[in-house]
Amino acid sequence: MIPAVGMINGDRRDYSWGMVPGGKRYGRCGIRIDSAGRRVQPPDALRGDIARIMLYMRDTYGFRLSRQDARLFAAWDELDPVDAWERKRQARIARLQGMENGYVVGEDQL
């Protein structure tokens, strides 16, 4: 889970992550939401974070990803590498649940 502005989260609904050429914008926030296409494009700086969470959920809990989504998340992982905040966040979560996200700590390969 990642904190989100309530209005944006409400507009996002349960739409799929993806690339959105147009869509609704929210001021300076880089998110775009295409309600007609039911797709959400996260800001550049969060794409890798989201990709690594989704891939972790697939590997750990059997969350189903389409081949297209898996390729998209692999690309986002490459374009937005792990940063210090993501490592710190992952370490806090691992202390609480006893498991690490290998995509963040560098154990898993896409």
PDB file of N, CA and C in Angstrom:
ATOM      1  N   MET A   1       0.842  -1.176   0.000  1.00  0.00           N
ATOM      2  CA  MET A   1       0.000   0.000   0.000  1.00  0.00           C
ATOM      3  C   MET A   1       0.889   1.242   0.000  1.00  0.00           C
ATOM      4  N   ILE A   2       0.449   2.206  -0.771  1.00  0.00           N
ATOM      5  CA  ILE A   2       1.144   3.486  -0.846  1.00  0.00           C
ATOM      6  C   ILE A   2       0.118   4.575  -0.568  1.00  0.00           C
ATOM      7  N   PRO A   3       0.436   5.529   0.314  1.00  0.00           N
ATOM      8  CA  PRO A   3      -0.524   6.610   0.572  1.00  0.00           C
ATOM      9  C   PRO A   3      -0.851   7.370  -0.706  1.00  0.00           C
ATOM     10  N   ALA A   4      -2.086   7.803  -0.813  1.00  0.00           N
ATOM     11  CA  ALA A   4      -2.518   8.550  -1.998  1.00  0.00           C
ATOM     12  C   ALA A   4      -3.537   9.598  -1.578  1.00  0.00           C
ATOM     13  N   VAL A   5      -3.607  10.667  -2.334  1.00  0.00           N
ATOM     14  CA  VAL A   5      -4.617  11.694  -2.110  1.00  0.00           C
ATOM     15  C   VAL A   5      -5.979  11.061  -2.351  1.00  0.00           C
ATOM     16  N   GLY A   6      -6.904  11.262  -1.419  1.00  0.00           N
ATOM     17  CA  GLY A   6      -8.212  10.617  -1.480  1.00  0.00           C
ATOM     18  C   GLY A   6      -8.953  10.835  -2.783  1.00  0.00           C
ATOM     19  N   MET A   7      -8.979  12.074  -3.279  1.00  0.00           N
ATOM     20  CA  MET A   7      -9.691  12.371  -4.520  1.00  0.00           C
ATOM     21  C   MET A   7      -9.086  11.592  -5.699  1.00  0.00           C
ATOM     22  N   ILE A   8      -7.765  11.564  -5.762  1.00  0.00           N
ATOM     23  CA  ILE A   8      -7.102  10.845  -6.859  1.00  0.00           C
ATOM     24  C   ILE A   8      -7.357   9.349  -6.720  1.00  0.00           C
ATOM     25  N   ASN A   9      -7.237   8.831  -5.510  1.00  0.00           N
ATOM     26  CA  ASN A   9      -7.485   7.410  -5.290  1.00  0.00           C
ATOM     27  C   ASN A   9      -8.917   7.048  -5.653  1.00  0.00           C
ATOM     28  N   GLY A  10      -9.864   7.921  -5.340  1.00  0.00           N
ATOM     29  CA  GLY A  10     -11.262   7.691  -5.701  1.00  0.00           C
ATOM     30  C   GLY A  10     -11.460   7.675  -7.204  1.00  0.00           C
ATOM     31  N   ASP A  11     -10.797   8.581  -7.911  1.00  0.00           N
ATOM     32  CA  ASP A  11     -10.891   8.612  -9.374  1.00  0.00           C
ATOM     33  C   ASP A  11     -10.182   7.419 -10.003  1.00  0.00           C
ATOM     34  N   ARG A  12      -9.129   6.930  -9.359  1.00  0.00           N
ATOM     35  CA  ARG A  12      -8.367   5.799  -9.892  1.00  0.00           C
ATOM     36  C   ARG A  12      -9.190   4.517  -9.857  1.00  0.00           C
ATOM     37  N   ARG A  13      -9.998   4.383  -8.839  1.00  0.00           N
ATOM     38  CA  ARG A  13     -10.835   3.200  -8.640  1.00  0.00           C
ATOM     39  C   ARG A  13     -10.000   1.930  -8.697  1.00  0.00           C
ATOM     40  N   ASP A  14     -10.440   0.971  -9.484  1.00  0.00           N
ATOM     41  CA  ASP A  14      -9.711  -0.291  -9.629  1.00  0.00           C
ATOM     42  C   ASP A  14      -9.145  -0.409 -11.039  1.00  0.00           C
ATOM     43  N   TYR A  15      -8.863   0.729 -11.655  1.00  0.00           N
ATOM     44  CA  TYR A  15      -8.333   0.722 -13.018  1.00  0.00           C
ATOM     45  C   TYR A  15      -6.938   0.094 -13.050  1.00  0.00           C
ATOM     46  N   SER A  16      -6.583  -0.421 -14.199  1.00  0.00           N
ATOM     47  CA  SER A  16      -5.276  -1.040 -14.387  1.00  0.00           C
ATOM     48  C   SER A  16      -4.192   0.016 -14.556  1.00  0.00           C
ATOM     49  N   TRP A  17      -2.984  -0.336 -14.157  1.00  0.00           N
ATOM     50  CA  TRP A  17      -1.827   0.519 -14.423  1.00  0.00           C
ATOM     51  C   TRP A  17      -1.465   0.403 -15.889  1.00  0.00           C
ATOM     52  N   GLY A  18      -0.981   1.468 -16.484  1.00  0.00           N
ATOM     53  CA  GLY A  18      -0.563   1.445 -17.881  1.00  0.00           C
ATOM     54  C   GLY A  18      -0.138   2.823 -18.333  1.00  0.00           C
ATOM     55  N   MET A  19       0.090   2.941 -19.622  1.00  0.00           N
ATOM     56  CA  MET A  19       0.463   4.219 -20.211  1.00  0.00           C
ATOM     57  C   MET A  19      -0.801   4.883 -20.732  1.00  0.00           C
ATOM     58  N   VAL A  20      -0.942   6.173 -20.430  1.00  0.00           N
ATOM     59  CA  VAL A  20      -2.136   6.929 -20.801  1.00  0.00           C
ATOM     60  C   VAL A  20      -1.691   8.151 -21.610  1.00  0.00           C
ATOM     61  N   PRO A  21      -1.980   8.175 -22.903  1.00  0.00           N
ATOM     62  CA  PRO A  21      -1.535   9.305 -23.721  1.00  0.00           C
ATOM     63  C   PRO A  21      -2.224  10.621 -23.382  1.00  0.00           C
ATOM     64  N   GLY A  22      -3.437  10.578 -22.918  1.00  0.00           N
ATOM     65  CA  GLY A  22      -4.165  11.791 -22.537  1.00  0.00           C
ATOM     66  C   GLY A  22      -4.564  11.674 -21.093  1.00  0.00           C
ATOM     67  N   GLY A  23      -5.839  11.682 -20.849  1.00  0.00           N
ATOM     68  CA  GLY A  23      -6.348  11.451 -19.507  1.00  0.00           C
ATOM     69  C   GLY A  23      -6.380  12.684 -18.642  1.00  0.00           C
ATOM     70  N   LYS A  24      -7.066  12.546 -17.539  1.00  0.00           N
ATOM     71  CA  LYS A  24      -7.216  13.637 -16.582  1.00  0.00           C
ATOM     72  C   LYS A  24      -5.927  13.818 -15.797  1.00  0.00           C
ATOM     73  N   ARG A  25      -5.527  15.068 -15.633  1.00  0.00           N
ATOM     74  CA  ARG A  25      -4.332  15.403 -14.853  1.00  0.00           C
ATOM     75  C   ARG A  25      -4.766  16.086 -13.567  1.00  0.00           C
ATOM     76  N   TYR A  26      -3.893  16.091 -12.586  1.00  0.00           N
ATOM     77  CA  TYR A  26      -4.184  16.640 -11.272  1.00  0.00           C
ATOM     78  C   TYR A  26      -3.108  17.643 -10.881  1.00  0.00           C
ATOM     79  N   GLY A  27      -3.222  18.849 -11.400  1.00  0.00           N
ATOM     80  CA  GLY A  27      -2.250  19.891 -11.082  1.00  0.00           C
ATOM     81  C   GLY A  27      -0.847  19.466 -11.448  1.00  0.00           C
ATOM     82  N   ARG A  28       0.066  19.632 -10.496  1.00  0.00           N
ATOM     83  CA  ARG A  28       1.468  19.281 -10.762  1.00  0.00           C
ATOM     84  C   ARG A  28       1.758  17.803 -10.532  1.00  0.00           C
ATOM     85  N   CYS A  29       0.805  17.061 -10.011  1.00  0.00           N
ATOM     86  CA  CYS A  29       0.984  15.621  -9.819  1.00  0.00           C
ATOM     87  C   CYS A  29       1.081  14.954 -11.190  1.00  0.00           C
ATOM     88  N   GLY A  30       2.006  14.066 -11.356  1.00  0.00           N
ATOM     89  CA  GLY A  30       2.248  13.440 -12.651  1.00  0.00           C
ATOM     90  C   GLY A  30       1.323  12.296 -13.019  1.00  0.00           C
ATOM     91  N   ILE A  31       0.334  12.002 -12.175  1.00  0.00           N
ATOM     92  CA  ILE A  31      -0.572  10.893 -12.484  1.00  0.00           C
ATOM     93  C   ILE A  31      -1.552  11.308 -13.582  1.00  0.00           C
ATOM     94  N   ARG A  32      -1.919  10.350 -14.419  1.00  0.00           N
ATOM     95  CA  ARG A  32      -2.940  10.559 -15.448  1.00  0.00           C
ATOM     96  C   ARG A  32      -3.951   9.421 -15.342  1.00  0.00           C
ATOM     97  N   ILE A  33      -5.217   9.774 -15.440  1.00  0.00           N
ATOM     98  CA  ILE A  33      -6.279   8.771 -15.346  1.00  0.00           C
ATOM     99  C   ILE A  33      -7.167   8.877 -16.575  1.00  0.00           C
ATOM    100  N   ASP A  34      -7.315   7.753 -17.277  1.00  0.00           N
ATOM    101  CA  ASP A  34      -8.183   7.655 -18.441  1.00  0.00           C
ATOM    102  C   ASP A  34      -9.393   6.814 -18.035  1.00  0.00           C
ATOM    103  N   SER A  35     -10.479   7.496 -17.666  1.00  0.00           N
ATOM    104  CA  SER A  35     -11.676   6.780 -17.204  1.00  0.00           C
ATOM    105  C   SER A  35     -12.292   5.927 -18.305  1.00  0.00           C
ATOM    106  N   ALA A  36     -12.285   6.437 -19.537  1.00  0.00           N
ATOM    107  CA  ALA A  36     -12.876   5.683 -20.645  1.00  0.00           C
ATOM    108  C   ALA A  36     -12.104   4.390 -20.900  1.00  0.00           C
ATOM    109  N   GLY A  37     -10.787   4.460 -20.841  1.00  0.00           N
ATOM    110  CA  GLY A  37      -9.949   3.277 -21.064  1.00  0.00           C
ATOM    111  C   GLY A  37      -9.654   2.492 -19.806  1.00  0.00           C
ATOM    112  N   ARG A  38     -10.102   3.018 -18.644  1.00  0.00           N
ATOM    113  CA  ARG A  38      -9.894   2.365 -17.356  1.00  0.00           C
ATOM    114  C   ARG A  38      -8.418   2.064 -17.104  1.00  0.00           C
ATOM    115  N   ARG A  39      -7.558   3.073 -17.401  1.00  0.00           N
ATOM    116  CA  ARG A  39      -6.115   2.931 -17.200  1.00  0.00           C
ATOM    117  C   ARG A  39      -5.599   4.115 -16.400  1.00  0.00           C
ATOM    118  N   VAL A  40      -4.539   3.870 -15.630  1.00  0.00           N
ATOM    119  CA  VAL A  40      -3.897   4.903 -14.826  1.00  0.00           C
ATOM    120  C   VAL A  40      -2.397   4.856 -15.080  1.00  0.00           C
ATOM    121  N   GLN A  41      -1.838   6.018 -15.370  1.00  0.00           N
ATOM    122  CA  GLN A  41      -0.397   6.139 -15.560  1.00  0.00           C
ATOM    123  C   GLN A  41       0.170   6.882 -14.360  1.00  0.00           C
ATOM    124  N   PRO A  42       0.992   6.204 -13.547  1.00  0.00           N
ATOM    125  CA  PRO A  42       1.561   6.873 -12.375  1.00  0.00           C
ATOM    126  C   PRO A  42       2.655   7.865 -12.774  1.00  0.00           C
ATOM    127  N   PRO A  43       3.024   8.753 -11.859  1.00  0.00           N
ATOM    128  CA  PRO A  43       4.129   9.673 -12.129  1.00  0.00           C
ATOM    129  C   PRO A  43       5.420   8.896 -12.403  1.00  0.00           C
ATOM    130  N   ASP A  44       6.309   9.484 -13.183  1.00  0.00           N
ATOM    131  CA  ASP A  44       7.580   8.835 -13.542  1.00  0.00           C
ATOM    132  C   ASP A  44       8.311   8.283 -12.318  1.00  0.00           C
ATOM    133  N   ALA A  45       8.387   9.077 -11.263  1.00  0.00           N
ATOM    134  CA  ALA A  45       9.176   8.710 -10.095  1.00  0.00           C
ATOM    135  C   ALA A  45       8.579   7.567  -9.279  1.00  0.00           C
ATOM    136  N   LEU A  46       7.352   7.154  -9.577  1.00  0.00           N
ATOM    137  CA  LEU A  46       6.717   6.057  -8.834  1.00  0.00           C
ATOM    138  C   LEU A  46       6.520   4.800  -9.663  1.00  0.00           C
ATOM    139  N   ARG A  47       6.790   4.865 -10.940  1.00  0.00           N
ATOM    140  CA  ARG A  47       6.520   3.694 -11.794  1.00  0.00           C
ATOM    141  C   ARG A  47       7.301   2.467 -11.362  1.00  0.00           C
ATOM    142  N   GLY A  48       8.580   2.627 -11.080  1.00  0.00           N
ATOM    143  CA  GLY A  48       9.381   1.484 -10.640  1.00  0.00           C
ATOM    144  C   GLY A  48       8.909   0.936  -9.308  1.00  0.00           C
ATOM    145  N   ASP A  49       8.568   1.833  -8.383  1.00  0.00           N
ATOM    146  CA  ASP A  49       8.071   1.411  -7.076  1.00  0.00           C
ATOM    147  C   ASP A  49       6.820   0.541  -7.247  1.00  0.00           C
ATOM    148  N   ILE A  50       5.891   1.022  -8.069  1.00  0.00           N
ATOM    149  CA  ILE A  50       4.650   0.285  -8.315  1.00  0.00           C
ATOM    150  C   ILE A  50       4.949  -1.043  -9.006  1.00  0.00           C
ATOM    151  N   ALA A  51       5.848  -1.019  -9.966  1.00  0.00           N
ATOM    152  CA  ALA A  51       6.217  -2.247 -10.676  1.00  0.00           C
ATOM    153  C   ALA A  51       6.760  -3.296  -9.712  1.00  0.00           C
ATOM    154  N   ARG A  52       7.652  -2.877  -8.830  1.00  0.00           N
ATOM    155  CA  ARG A  52       8.255  -3.826  -7.895  1.00  0.00           C
ATOM    156  C   ARG A  52       7.236  -4.362  -6.893  1.00  0.00           C
ATOM    157  N   ILE A  53       6.265  -3.543  -6.503  1.00  0.00           N
ATOM    158  CA  ILE A  53       5.196  -4.009  -5.619  1.00  0.00           C
ATOM    159  C   ILE A  53       4.332  -5.046  -6.352  1.00  0.00           C
ATOM    160  N   MET A  54       3.960  -4.742  -7.582  1.00  0.00           N
ATOM    161  CA  MET A  54       3.099  -5.656  -8.338  1.00  0.00           C
ATOM    162  C   MET A  54       3.807  -6.993  -8.611  1.00  0.00           C
ATOM    163  N   LEU A  55       5.088  -6.943  -8.950  1.00  0.00           N
ATOM    164  CA  LEU A  55       5.842  -8.169  -9.210  1.00  0.00           C
ATOM    165  C   LEU A  55       6.012  -8.984  -7.921  1.00  0.00           C
ATOM    166  N   TYR A  56       6.244  -8.306  -6.811  1.00  0.00           N
ATOM    167  CA  TYR A  56       6.319  -8.977  -5.512  1.00  0.00           C
ATOM    168  C   TYR A  56       4.986  -9.664  -5.186  1.00  0.00           C
ATOM    169  N   MET A  57       3.881  -8.962  -5.404  1.00  0.00           N
ATOM    170  CA  MET A  57       2.561  -9.541  -5.134  1.00  0.00           C
ATOM    171  C   MET A  57       2.326 -10.780  -6.007  1.00  0.00           C
ATOM    172  N   ARG A  58       2.761 -10.722  -7.254  1.00  0.00           N
ATOM    173  CA  ARG A  58       2.627 -11.882  -8.146  1.00  0.00           C
ATOM    174  C   ARG A  58       3.422 -13.067  -7.600  1.00  0.00           C
ATOM    175  N   ASP A  59       4.681 -12.825  -7.267  1.00  0.00           N
ATOM    176  CA  ASP A  59       5.562 -13.914  -6.845  1.00  0.00           C
ATOM    177  C   ASP A  59       5.225 -14.458  -5.465  1.00  0.00           C
ATOM    178  N   THR A  60       4.784 -13.608  -4.569  1.00  0.00           N
ATOM    179  CA  THR A  60       4.556 -14.006  -3.184  1.00  0.00           C
ATOM    180  C   THR A  60       3.153 -14.534  -2.930  1.00  0.00           C
ATOM    181  N   TYR A  61       2.172 -13.908  -3.553  1.00  0.00           N
ATOM    182  CA  TYR A  61       0.780 -14.245  -3.256  1.00  0.00           C
ATOM    183  C   TYR A  61      -0.005 -14.780  -4.444  1.00  0.00           C
ATOM    184  N   GLY A  62       0.664 -15.002  -5.582  1.00  0.00           N
ATOM    185  CA  GLY A  62      -0.018 -15.547  -6.743  1.00  0.00           C
ATOM    186  C   GLY A  62      -0.897 -14.559  -7.479  1.00  0.00           C
ATOM    187  N   PHE A  63      -0.675 -13.260  -7.242  1.00  0.00           N
ATOM    188  CA  PHE A  63      -1.432 -12.225  -7.948  1.00  0.00           C
ATOM    189  C   PHE A  63      -1.207 -12.392  -9.441  1.00  0.00           C
ATOM    190  N   ARG A  64      -2.251 -12.447 -10.205  1.00  0.00           N
ATOM    191  CA  ARG A  64      -2.131 -12.702 -11.641  1.00  0.00           C
ATOM    192  C   ARG A  64      -1.837 -11.426 -12.421  1.00  0.00           C
ATOM    193  N   LEU A  65      -0.815 -11.505 -13.243  1.00  0.00           N
ATOM    194  CA  LEU A  65      -0.476 -10.412 -14.150  1.00  0.00           C
ATOM    195  C   LEU A  65      -0.517 -10.945 -15.575  1.00  0.00           C
ATOM    196  N   SER A  66      -1.048 -10.148 -16.465  1.00  0.00           N
ATOM    197  CA  SER A  66      -0.999 -10.526 -17.876  1.00  0.00           C
ATOM    198  C   SER A  66       0.448 -10.432 -18.359  1.00  0.00           C
ATOM    199  N   ARG A  67       0.745 -11.059 -19.456  1.00  0.00           N
ATOM    200  CA  ARG A  67       2.081 -10.977 -20.045  1.00  0.00           C
ATOM    201  C   ARG A  67       2.419  -9.522 -20.362  1.00  0.00           C
ATOM    202  N   GLN A  68       1.418  -8.789 -20.847  1.00  0.00           N
ATOM    203  CA  GLN A  68       1.614  -7.374 -21.175  1.00  0.00           C
ATOM    204  C   GLN A  68       1.957  -6.563 -19.919  1.00  0.00           C
ATOM    205  N   ASP A  69       1.245  -6.793 -18.823  1.00  0.00           N
ATOM    206  CA  ASP A  69       1.537  -6.073 -17.578  1.00  0.00           C
ATOM    207  C   ASP A  69       2.920  -6.440 -17.046  1.00  0.00           C
ATOM    208  N   ALA A  70       3.292  -7.702 -17.103  1.00  0.00           N
ATOM    209  CA  ALA A  70       4.614  -8.116 -16.631  1.00  0.00           C
ATOM    210  C   ALA A  70       5.709  -7.409 -17.427  1.00  0.00           C
ATOM    211  N   ARG A  71       5.524  -7.280 -18.742  1.00  0.00           N
ATOM    212  CA  ARG A  71       6.508  -6.561 -19.568  1.00  0.00           C
ATOM    213  C   ARG A  71       6.542  -5.080 -19.217  1.00  0.00           C
ATOM    214  N   LEU A  72       5.371  -4.488 -19.013  1.00  0.00           N
ATOM    215  CA  LEU A  72       5.292  -3.082 -18.636  1.00  0.00           C
ATOM    216  C   LEU A  72       6.019  -2.845 -17.310  1.00  0.00           C
ATOM    217  N   PHE A  73       5.765  -3.694 -16.326  1.00  0.00           N
ATOM    218  CA  PHE A  73       6.393  -3.521 -15.022  1.00  0.00           C
ATOM    219  C   PHE A  73       7.900  -3.749 -15.093  1.00  0.00           C
ATOM    220  N   ALA A  74       8.351  -4.654 -15.937  1.00  0.00           N
ATOM    221  CA  ALA A  74       9.794  -4.841 -16.121  1.00  0.00           C
ATOM    222  C   ALA A  74      10.423  -3.570 -16.698  1.00  0.00           C
ATOM    223  N   ALA A  75       9.742  -2.938 -17.643  1.00  0.00           N
ATOM    224  CA  ALA A  75      10.245  -1.690 -18.229  1.00  0.00           C
ATOM    225  C   ALA A  75      10.259  -0.577 -17.188  1.00  0.00           C
ATOM    226  N   TRP A  76       9.192  -0.459 -16.413  1.00  0.00           N
ATOM    227  CA  TRP A  76       9.135   0.575 -15.386  1.00  0.00           C
ATOM    228  C   TRP A  76      10.227   0.364 -14.341  1.00  0.00           C
ATOM    229  N   ASP A  77      10.506  -0.881 -13.997  1.00  0.00           N
ATOM    230  CA  ASP A  77      11.565  -1.191 -13.036  1.00  0.00           C
ATOM    231  C   ASP A  77      12.910  -0.679 -13.559  1.00  0.00           C
ATOM    232  N   GLU A  78      13.160  -0.871 -14.830  1.00  0.00           N
ATOM    233  CA  GLU A  78      14.425  -0.407 -15.436  1.00  0.00           C
ATOM    234  C   GLU A  78      14.505   1.115 -15.486  1.00  0.00           C
ATOM    235  N   LEU A  79      13.399   1.764 -15.828  1.00  0.00           N
ATOM    236  CA  LEU A  79      13.388   3.217 -16.003  1.00  0.00           C
ATOM    237  C   LEU A  79      13.409   3.983 -14.679  1.00  0.00           C
ATOM    238  N   ASP A  80      12.923   3.374 -13.622  1.00  0.00           N
ATOM    239  CA  ASP A  80      12.868   4.023 -12.309  1.00  0.00           C
ATOM    240  C   ASP A  80      13.512   3.105 -11.285  1.00  0.00           C
ATOM    241  N   PRO A  81      14.845   3.151 -11.160  1.00  0.00           N
ATOM    242  CA  PRO A  81      15.534   2.247 -10.234  1.00  0.00           C
ATOM    243  C   PRO A  81      15.169   2.506  -8.771  1.00  0.00           C
ATOM    244  N   VAL A  82      15.472   1.535  -7.938  1.00  0.00           N
ATOM    245  CA  VAL A  82      15.233   1.631  -6.503  1.00  0.00           C
ATOM    246  C   VAL A  82      16.010   2.831  -5.949  1.00  0.00           C
ATOM    247  N   ASP A  83      15.329   3.617  -5.100  1.00  0.00           N
ATOM    248  CA  ASP A  83      16.004   4.754  -4.472  1.00  0.00           C
ATOM    249  C   ASP A  83      16.090   4.531  -2.953  1.00  0.00           C
ATOM    250  N   ALA A  84      16.728   5.458  -2.267  1.00  0.00           N
ATOM    251  CA  ALA A  84      16.954   5.315  -0.826  1.00  0.00           C
ATOM    252  C   ALA A  84      15.644   5.205  -0.048  1.00  0.00           C
ATOM    253  N   TRP A  85      14.638   6.010  -0.406  1.00  0.00           N
ATOM    254  CA  TRP A  85      13.366   5.965   0.310  1.00  0.00           C
ATOM    255  C   TRP A  85      12.696   4.604   0.140  1.00  0.00           C
ATOM    256  N   GLU A  86      12.742   4.042  -1.069  1.00  0.00           N
ATOM    257  CA  GLU A  86      12.102   2.745  -1.294  1.00  0.00           C
ATOM    258  C   GLU A  86      12.808   1.655  -0.482  1.00  0.00           C
ATOM    259  N   ARG A  87      14.130   1.717  -0.396  1.00  0.00           N
ATOM    260  CA  ARG A  87      14.869   0.746   0.419  1.00  0.00           C
ATOM    261  C   ARG A  87      14.473   0.863   1.900  1.00  0.00           C
ATOM    262  N   LYS A  88      14.379   2.104   2.376  1.00  0.00           N
ATOM    263  CA  LYS A  88      14.017   2.341   3.772  1.00  0.00           C
ATOM    264  C   LYS A  88      12.598   1.842   4.049  1.00  0.00           C
ATOM    265  N   ARG A  89      11.675   2.144   3.152  1.00  0.00           N
ATOM    266  CA  ARG A  89      10.282   1.707   3.287  1.00  0.00           C
ATOM    267  C   ARG A  89      10.207   0.179   3.301  1.00  0.00           C
ATOM    268  N   GLN A  90      10.936  -0.452   2.386  1.00  0.00           N
ATOM    269  CA  GLN A  90      10.945  -1.904   2.295  1.00  0.00           C
ATOM    270  C   GLN A  90      11.504  -2.524   3.566  1.00  0.00           C
ATOM    271  N   ALA A  91      12.560  -1.930   4.131  1.00  0.00           N
ATOM    272  CA  ALA A  91      13.154  -2.453   5.365  1.00  0.00           C
ATOM    273  C   ALA A  91      12.160  -2.369   6.522  1.00  0.00           C
ATOM    274  N   ARG A  92      11.407  -1.284   6.599  1.00  0.00           N
ATOM    275  CA  ARG A  92      10.396  -1.143   7.654  1.00  0.00           C
ATOM    276  C   ARG A  92       9.312  -2.198   7.513  1.00  0.00           C
ATOM    277  N   ILE A  93       8.858  -2.409   6.287  1.00  0.00           N
ATOM    278  CA  ILE A  93       7.827  -3.417   6.041  1.00  0.00           C
ATOM    279  C   ILE A  93       8.357  -4.811   6.367  1.00  0.00           C
ATOM    280  N   ALA A  94       9.582  -5.101   5.972  1.00  0.00           N
ATOM    281  CA  ALA A  94      10.178  -6.418   6.233  1.00  0.00           C
ATOM    282  C   ALA A  94      10.298  -6.688   7.726  1.00  0.00           C
ATOM    283  N   ARG A  95      10.635  -5.667   8.497  1.00  0.00           N
ATOM    284  CA  ARG A  95      10.719  -5.847   9.954  1.00  0.00           C
ATOM    285  C   ARG A  95       9.362  -6.239  10.541  1.00  0.00           C
ATOM    286  N   LEU A  96       8.294  -5.684   9.981  1.00  0.00           N
ATOM    287  CA  LEU A  96       6.957  -5.971  10.501  1.00  0.00           C
ATOM    288  C   LEU A  96       6.414  -7.319  10.029  1.00  0.00           C
ATOM    289  N   GLN A  97       6.643  -7.651   8.767  1.00  0.00           N
ATOM    290  CA  GLN A  97       6.034  -8.877   8.240  1.00  0.00           C
ATOM    291  C   GLN A  97       7.012 -10.032   8.091  1.00  0.00           C
ATOM    292  N   GLY A  98       8.299  -9.758   8.244  1.00  0.00           N
ATOM    293  CA  GLY A  98       9.290 -10.823   8.205  1.00  0.00           C
ATOM    294  C   GLY A  98       9.683 -11.293   6.819  1.00  0.00           C
ATOM    295  N   MET A  99       9.306 -10.546   5.777  1.00  0.00           N
ATOM    296  CA  MET A  99       9.675 -10.916   4.400  1.00  0.00           C
ATOM    297  C   MET A  99      10.162  -9.674   3.667  1.00  0.00           C
ATOM    298  N   GLU A 100      11.149  -9.865   2.815  1.00  0.00           N
ATOM    299  CA  GLU A 100      11.656  -8.774   2.000  1.00  0.00           C
ATOM    300  C   GLU A 100      11.099  -8.847   0.587  1.00  0.00           C
ATOM    301  N   ASN A 101      11.018  -7.704  -0.052  1.00  0.00           N
ATOM    302  CA  ASN A 101      10.684  -7.653  -1.476  1.00  0.00           C
ATOM    303  C   ASN A 101      12.011  -7.761  -2.226  1.00  0.00           C
ATOM    304  N   GLY A 102      12.258  -8.917  -2.807  1.00  0.00           N
ATOM    305  CA  GLY A 102      13.509  -9.155  -3.523  1.00  0.00           C
ATOM    306  C   GLY A 102      13.740  -8.212  -4.684  1.00  0.00           C
ATOM    307  N   TYR A 103      12.696  -7.651  -5.227  1.00  0.00           N
ATOM    308  CA  TYR A 103      12.847  -6.696  -6.323  1.00  0.00           C
ATOM    309  C   TYR A 103      13.441  -5.385  -5.827  1.00  0.00           C
ATOM    310  N   VAL A 104      13.284  -5.116  -4.544  1.00  0.00           N
ATOM    311  CA  VAL A 104      13.849  -3.903  -3.958  1.00  0.00           C
ATOM    312  C   VAL A 104      15.267  -4.168  -3.448  1.00  0.00           C
ATOM    313  N   VAL A 105      15.454  -5.297  -2.795  1.00  0.00           N
ATOM    314  CA  VAL A 105      16.772  -5.590  -2.223  1.00  0.00           C
ATOM    315  C   VAL A 105      17.727  -6.224  -3.225  1.00  0.00           C
ATOM    316  N   GLY A 106      17.226  -6.543  -4.420  1.00  0.00           N
ATOM    317  CA  GLY A 106      18.096  -7.010  -5.502  1.00  0.00           C
ATOM    318  C   GLY A 106      18.267  -8.495  -5.640  1.00  0.00           C
ATOM    319  N   GLU A 107      17.397  -9.273  -5.008  1.00  0.00           N
ATOM    320  CA  GLU A 107      17.528 -10.727  -5.102  1.00  0.00           C
ATOM    321  C   GLU A 107      16.796 -11.312  -6.302  1.00  0.00           C
ATOM    322  N   ASP A 108      15.675 -10.728  -6.685  1.00  0.00           N
ATOM    323  CA  ASP A 108      14.866 -11.271  -7.786  1.00  0.00           C
ATOM    324  C   ASP A 108      15.264 -10.629  -9.098  1.00  0.00           C
ATOM    325  N   GLN A 109      15.119 -11.365 -10.150  1.00  0.00           N
ATOM    326  CA  GLN A 109      15.351 -10.850 -11.499  1.00  0.00           C
ATOM    327  C   GLN A 109      14.039 -10.851 -12.234  1.00  0.00           C
ATOM    328  N   LEU A 110      13.808  -9.826 -13.015  1.00  0.00           N
ATOM    329  CA  LEU A 110      12.539  -9.735 -13.760  1.00  0.00           C
ATOM    330  C   LEU A 110      12.557 -10.633 -14.972  1.00  0.00           C
TER     331      LEU A 110
END
